[in-house]
Amino acid sequence: MRRVVEEYEAKGTPEAVVARDADKLECLVQAVEYRAQGNTLVQDWIDTSLESLKTASARELAAAALTMSPLEWRRTFLG
């Protein structure tokens, strides 16, 4: 288990990069949901999550999350 965590933290494999992007994308989506509920203190959270994304697909999903309502995003990408 320690090896897997170290791989994830080091971003040493493509799988680790994708896993880390998935975590950061989830953080971004949560922050967007909180913003939609009226929390005005989440912009830094959104910005840092967005800046940390490495893969093109994660950045595309983030762009969609930032331009759609949270409900629309869920319906579109989560079915």
N, C-alpha and C. Protein backbone atom coordinates (compact mmCIF):
# COMPACT_ATOMS: atom_id res chain seq x y z
N MET A 1 0.82 -1.18 0.00
CA MET A 1 0.00 0.00 0.00
C MET A 1 0.88 1.26 0.00
N ARG A 2 1.94 1.22 0.75
CA ARG A 2 2.84 2.38 0.83
C ARG A 2 3.40 2.72 -0.56
N ARG A 3 3.74 1.68 -1.33
CA ARG A 3 4.29 1.91 -2.67
C ARG A 3 3.27 2.62 -3.56
N VAL A 4 2.03 2.23 -3.47
CA VAL A 4 0.99 2.85 -4.29
C VAL A 4 0.82 4.32 -3.90
N VAL A 5 0.81 4.61 -2.62
CA VAL A 5 0.68 5.99 -2.16
C VAL A 5 1.89 6.80 -2.62
N GLU A 6 3.08 6.24 -2.51
CA GLU A 6 4.28 6.95 -2.95
C GLU A 6 4.23 7.23 -4.45
N GLU A 7 3.76 6.25 -5.22
CA GLU A 7 3.63 6.44 -6.67
C GLU A 7 2.64 7.57 -6.97
N TYR A 8 1.53 7.58 -6.26
CA TYR A 8 0.53 8.62 -6.44
C TYR A 8 1.12 9.99 -6.10
N GLU A 9 1.78 10.10 -4.98
CA GLU A 9 2.35 11.37 -4.55
C GLU A 9 3.46 11.85 -5.49
N ALA A 10 4.23 10.93 -6.03
CA ALA A 10 5.34 11.30 -6.92
C ALA A 10 4.88 11.59 -8.34
N LYS A 11 3.63 11.22 -8.65
CA LYS A 11 3.10 11.39 -10.02
C LYS A 11 4.04 10.74 -11.03
N GLY A 12 4.57 9.57 -10.67
CA GLY A 12 5.60 8.91 -11.46
C GLY A 12 5.10 8.06 -12.61
N THR A 13 3.82 7.80 -12.67
CA THR A 13 3.27 6.98 -13.75
C THR A 13 2.07 7.70 -14.35
N PRO A 14 1.71 7.33 -15.56
CA PRO A 14 0.50 7.93 -16.15
C PRO A 14 -0.73 7.68 -15.29
N GLU A 15 -0.81 6.49 -14.69
CA GLU A 15 -1.95 6.17 -13.84
C GLU A 15 -2.01 7.09 -12.62
N ALA A 16 -0.85 7.39 -12.06
CA ALA A 16 -0.81 8.28 -10.90
C ALA A 16 -1.24 9.69 -11.28
N VAL A 17 -0.84 10.14 -12.45
CA VAL A 17 -1.23 11.48 -12.91
C VAL A 17 -2.75 11.54 -13.10
N VAL A 18 -3.31 10.52 -13.71
CA VAL A 18 -4.75 10.49 -13.94
C VAL A 18 -5.51 10.41 -12.61
N ALA A 19 -5.01 9.58 -11.69
CA ALA A 19 -5.66 9.47 -10.38
C ALA A 19 -5.63 10.80 -9.64
N ARG A 20 -4.51 11.48 -9.70
CA ARG A 20 -4.39 12.78 -9.03
C ARG A 20 -5.32 13.81 -9.69
N ASP A 21 -5.38 13.79 -11.02
CA ASP A 21 -6.31 14.67 -11.71
C ASP A 21 -7.76 14.39 -11.30
N ALA A 22 -8.10 13.13 -11.15
CA ALA A 22 -9.46 12.78 -10.74
C ALA A 22 -9.78 13.36 -9.36
N ASP A 23 -8.82 13.27 -8.45
CA ASP A 23 -9.02 13.85 -7.12
C ASP A 23 -9.19 15.36 -7.19
N LYS A 24 -8.34 16.02 -7.96
CA LYS A 24 -8.42 17.48 -8.06
C LYS A 24 -9.69 17.91 -8.78
N LEU A 25 -10.11 17.14 -9.76
CA LEU A 25 -11.35 17.45 -10.46
C LEU A 25 -12.55 17.32 -9.52
N GLU A 26 -12.53 16.31 -8.68
CA GLU A 26 -13.60 16.16 -7.69
C GLU A 26 -13.63 17.36 -6.74
N CYS A 27 -12.47 17.83 -6.32
CA CYS A 27 -12.40 19.02 -5.46
C CYS A 27 -12.99 20.23 -6.17
N LEU A 28 -12.64 20.39 -7.44
CA LEU A 28 -13.16 21.52 -8.21
C LEU A 28 -14.68 21.45 -8.33
N VAL A 29 -15.19 20.28 -8.63
CA VAL A 29 -16.65 20.13 -8.78
C VAL A 29 -17.35 20.42 -7.47
N GLN A 30 -16.79 19.95 -6.36
CA GLN A 30 -17.38 20.26 -5.06
C GLN A 30 -17.40 21.77 -4.80
N ALA A 31 -16.30 22.42 -5.12
CA ALA A 31 -16.23 23.87 -4.90
C ALA A 31 -17.26 24.60 -5.77
N VAL A 32 -17.43 24.15 -7.00
CA VAL A 32 -18.43 24.76 -7.89
C VAL A 32 -19.83 24.56 -7.31
N GLU A 33 -20.09 23.37 -6.76
CA GLU A 33 -21.38 23.13 -6.13
C GLU A 33 -21.59 24.05 -4.94
N TYR A 34 -20.57 24.22 -4.12
CA TYR A 34 -20.68 25.12 -2.96
C TYR A 34 -20.92 26.56 -3.42
N ARG A 35 -20.24 26.96 -4.48
CA ARG A 35 -20.43 28.31 -5.02
C ARG A 35 -21.88 28.49 -5.49
N ALA A 36 -22.42 27.48 -6.14
CA ALA A 36 -23.80 27.56 -6.62
C ALA A 36 -24.80 27.65 -5.46
N GLN A 37 -24.40 27.16 -4.29
CA GLN A 37 -25.25 27.22 -3.11
C GLN A 37 -25.09 28.54 -2.36
N GLY A 38 -24.22 29.41 -2.88
CA GLY A 38 -24.09 30.73 -2.28
C GLY A 38 -22.81 30.99 -1.51
N ASN A 39 -21.94 29.99 -1.41
CA ASN A 39 -20.68 30.21 -0.70
C ASN A 39 -19.75 31.02 -1.60
N THR A 40 -19.39 32.19 -1.16
CA THR A 40 -18.56 33.09 -1.98
C THR A 40 -17.08 32.96 -1.69
N LEU A 41 -16.70 32.05 -0.81
CA LEU A 41 -15.29 31.94 -0.40
C LEU A 41 -14.57 30.74 -1.01
N VAL A 42 -15.03 30.27 -2.16
CA VAL A 42 -14.45 29.06 -2.75
C VAL A 42 -13.60 29.32 -4.00
N GLN A 43 -13.48 30.56 -4.42
CA GLN A 43 -12.78 30.82 -5.68
C GLN A 43 -11.32 30.36 -5.64
N ASP A 44 -10.63 30.58 -4.52
CA ASP A 44 -9.24 30.09 -4.43
C ASP A 44 -9.18 28.58 -4.57
N TRP A 45 -10.12 27.90 -3.97
CA TRP A 45 -10.22 26.45 -4.05
C TRP A 45 -10.41 26.03 -5.51
N ILE A 46 -11.28 26.70 -6.22
CA ILE A 46 -11.52 26.41 -7.64
C ILE A 46 -10.24 26.67 -8.44
N ASP A 47 -9.62 27.81 -8.20
CA ASP A 47 -8.42 28.18 -8.96
C ASP A 47 -7.27 27.20 -8.73
N THR A 48 -7.02 26.83 -7.48
CA THR A 48 -5.89 25.92 -7.22
C THR A 48 -6.18 24.52 -7.76
N SER A 49 -7.42 24.09 -7.69
CA SER A 49 -7.78 22.79 -8.26
C SER A 49 -7.58 22.81 -9.77
N LEU A 50 -8.04 23.87 -10.41
CA LEU A 50 -7.91 24.00 -11.86
C LEU A 50 -6.45 24.05 -12.29
N GLU A 51 -5.64 24.81 -11.59
CA GLU A 51 -4.22 24.94 -11.94
C GLU A 51 -3.46 23.63 -11.77
N SER A 52 -3.92 22.76 -10.91
CA SER A 52 -3.19 21.52 -10.65
C SER A 52 -3.48 20.41 -11.67
N LEU A 53 -4.49 20.59 -12.51
CA LEU A 53 -4.84 19.55 -13.49
C LEU A 53 -3.77 19.43 -14.57
N LYS A 54 -3.39 18.20 -14.88
CA LYS A 54 -2.31 17.96 -15.84
C LYS A 54 -2.80 17.43 -17.18
N THR A 55 -3.86 16.64 -17.19
CA THR A 55 -4.29 16.01 -18.44
C THR A 55 -5.31 16.88 -19.18
N ALA A 56 -5.29 16.75 -20.48
CA ALA A 56 -6.22 17.52 -21.30
C ALA A 56 -7.66 17.15 -20.99
N SER A 57 -7.93 15.88 -20.76
CA SER A 57 -9.31 15.47 -20.49
C SER A 57 -9.80 16.05 -19.16
N ALA A 58 -8.96 16.11 -18.16
CA ALA A 58 -9.36 16.70 -16.88
C ALA A 58 -9.62 18.20 -17.04
N ARG A 59 -8.79 18.87 -17.83
CA ARG A 59 -9.00 20.30 -18.05
C ARG A 59 -10.30 20.55 -18.82
N GLU A 60 -10.63 19.66 -19.76
CA GLU A 60 -11.89 19.80 -20.51
C GLU A 60 -13.09 19.59 -19.59
N LEU A 61 -13.02 18.59 -18.72
CA LEU A 61 -14.11 18.37 -17.77
C LEU A 61 -14.24 19.54 -16.81
N ALA A 62 -13.12 20.10 -16.38
CA ALA A 62 -13.15 21.26 -15.50
C ALA A 62 -13.79 22.45 -16.20
N ALA A 63 -13.45 22.67 -17.45
CA ALA A 63 -14.03 23.78 -18.20
C ALA A 63 -15.55 23.61 -18.29
N ALA A 64 -15.99 22.39 -18.50
CA ALA A 64 -17.43 22.14 -18.54
C ALA A 64 -18.05 22.41 -17.18
N ALA A 65 -17.40 21.98 -16.12
CA ALA A 65 -17.93 22.20 -14.77
C ALA A 65 -18.06 23.68 -14.45
N LEU A 66 -17.17 24.48 -15.01
CA LEU A 66 -17.19 25.91 -14.74
C LEU A 66 -18.20 26.67 -15.60
N THR A 67 -18.71 26.03 -16.65
CA THR A 67 -19.65 26.73 -17.52
C THR A 67 -21.08 26.21 -17.42
N MET A 68 -21.27 25.11 -16.69
CA MET A 68 -22.61 24.52 -16.53
C MET A 68 -23.04 24.64 -15.06
N SER A 69 -24.32 24.52 -14.85
CA SER A 69 -24.78 24.41 -13.47
C SER A 69 -24.35 23.04 -12.95
N PRO A 70 -24.18 22.89 -11.64
CA PRO A 70 -23.79 21.58 -11.11
C PRO A 70 -24.76 20.47 -11.51
N LEU A 71 -26.05 20.75 -11.52
CA LEU A 71 -27.03 19.73 -11.91
C LEU A 71 -26.86 19.35 -13.37
N GLU A 72 -26.67 20.34 -14.23
CA GLU A 72 -26.46 20.05 -15.66
C GLU A 72 -25.19 19.25 -15.86
N TRP A 73 -24.13 19.59 -15.13
CA TRP A 73 -22.86 18.85 -15.24
C TRP A 73 -23.05 17.40 -14.84
N ARG A 74 -23.74 17.17 -13.75
CA ARG A 74 -23.99 15.79 -13.31
C ARG A 74 -24.80 15.01 -14.33
N ARG A 75 -25.84 15.64 -14.86
CA ARG A 75 -26.68 14.94 -15.84
C ARG A 75 -25.89 14.60 -17.10
N THR A 76 -25.02 15.53 -17.52
CA THR A 76 -24.26 15.35 -18.75
C THR A 76 -23.15 14.30 -18.59
N PHE A 77 -22.41 14.36 -17.50
CA PHE A 77 -21.22 13.53 -17.37
C PHE A 77 -21.37 12.33 -16.44
N LEU A 78 -22.37 12.33 -15.58
CA LEU A 78 -22.54 11.22 -14.67
C LEU A 78 -23.77 10.37 -14.97
N GLY A 79 -24.52 10.82 -15.97
CA GLY A 79 -25.67 10.04 -16.42
C GLY A 79 -26.84 10.13 -15.62
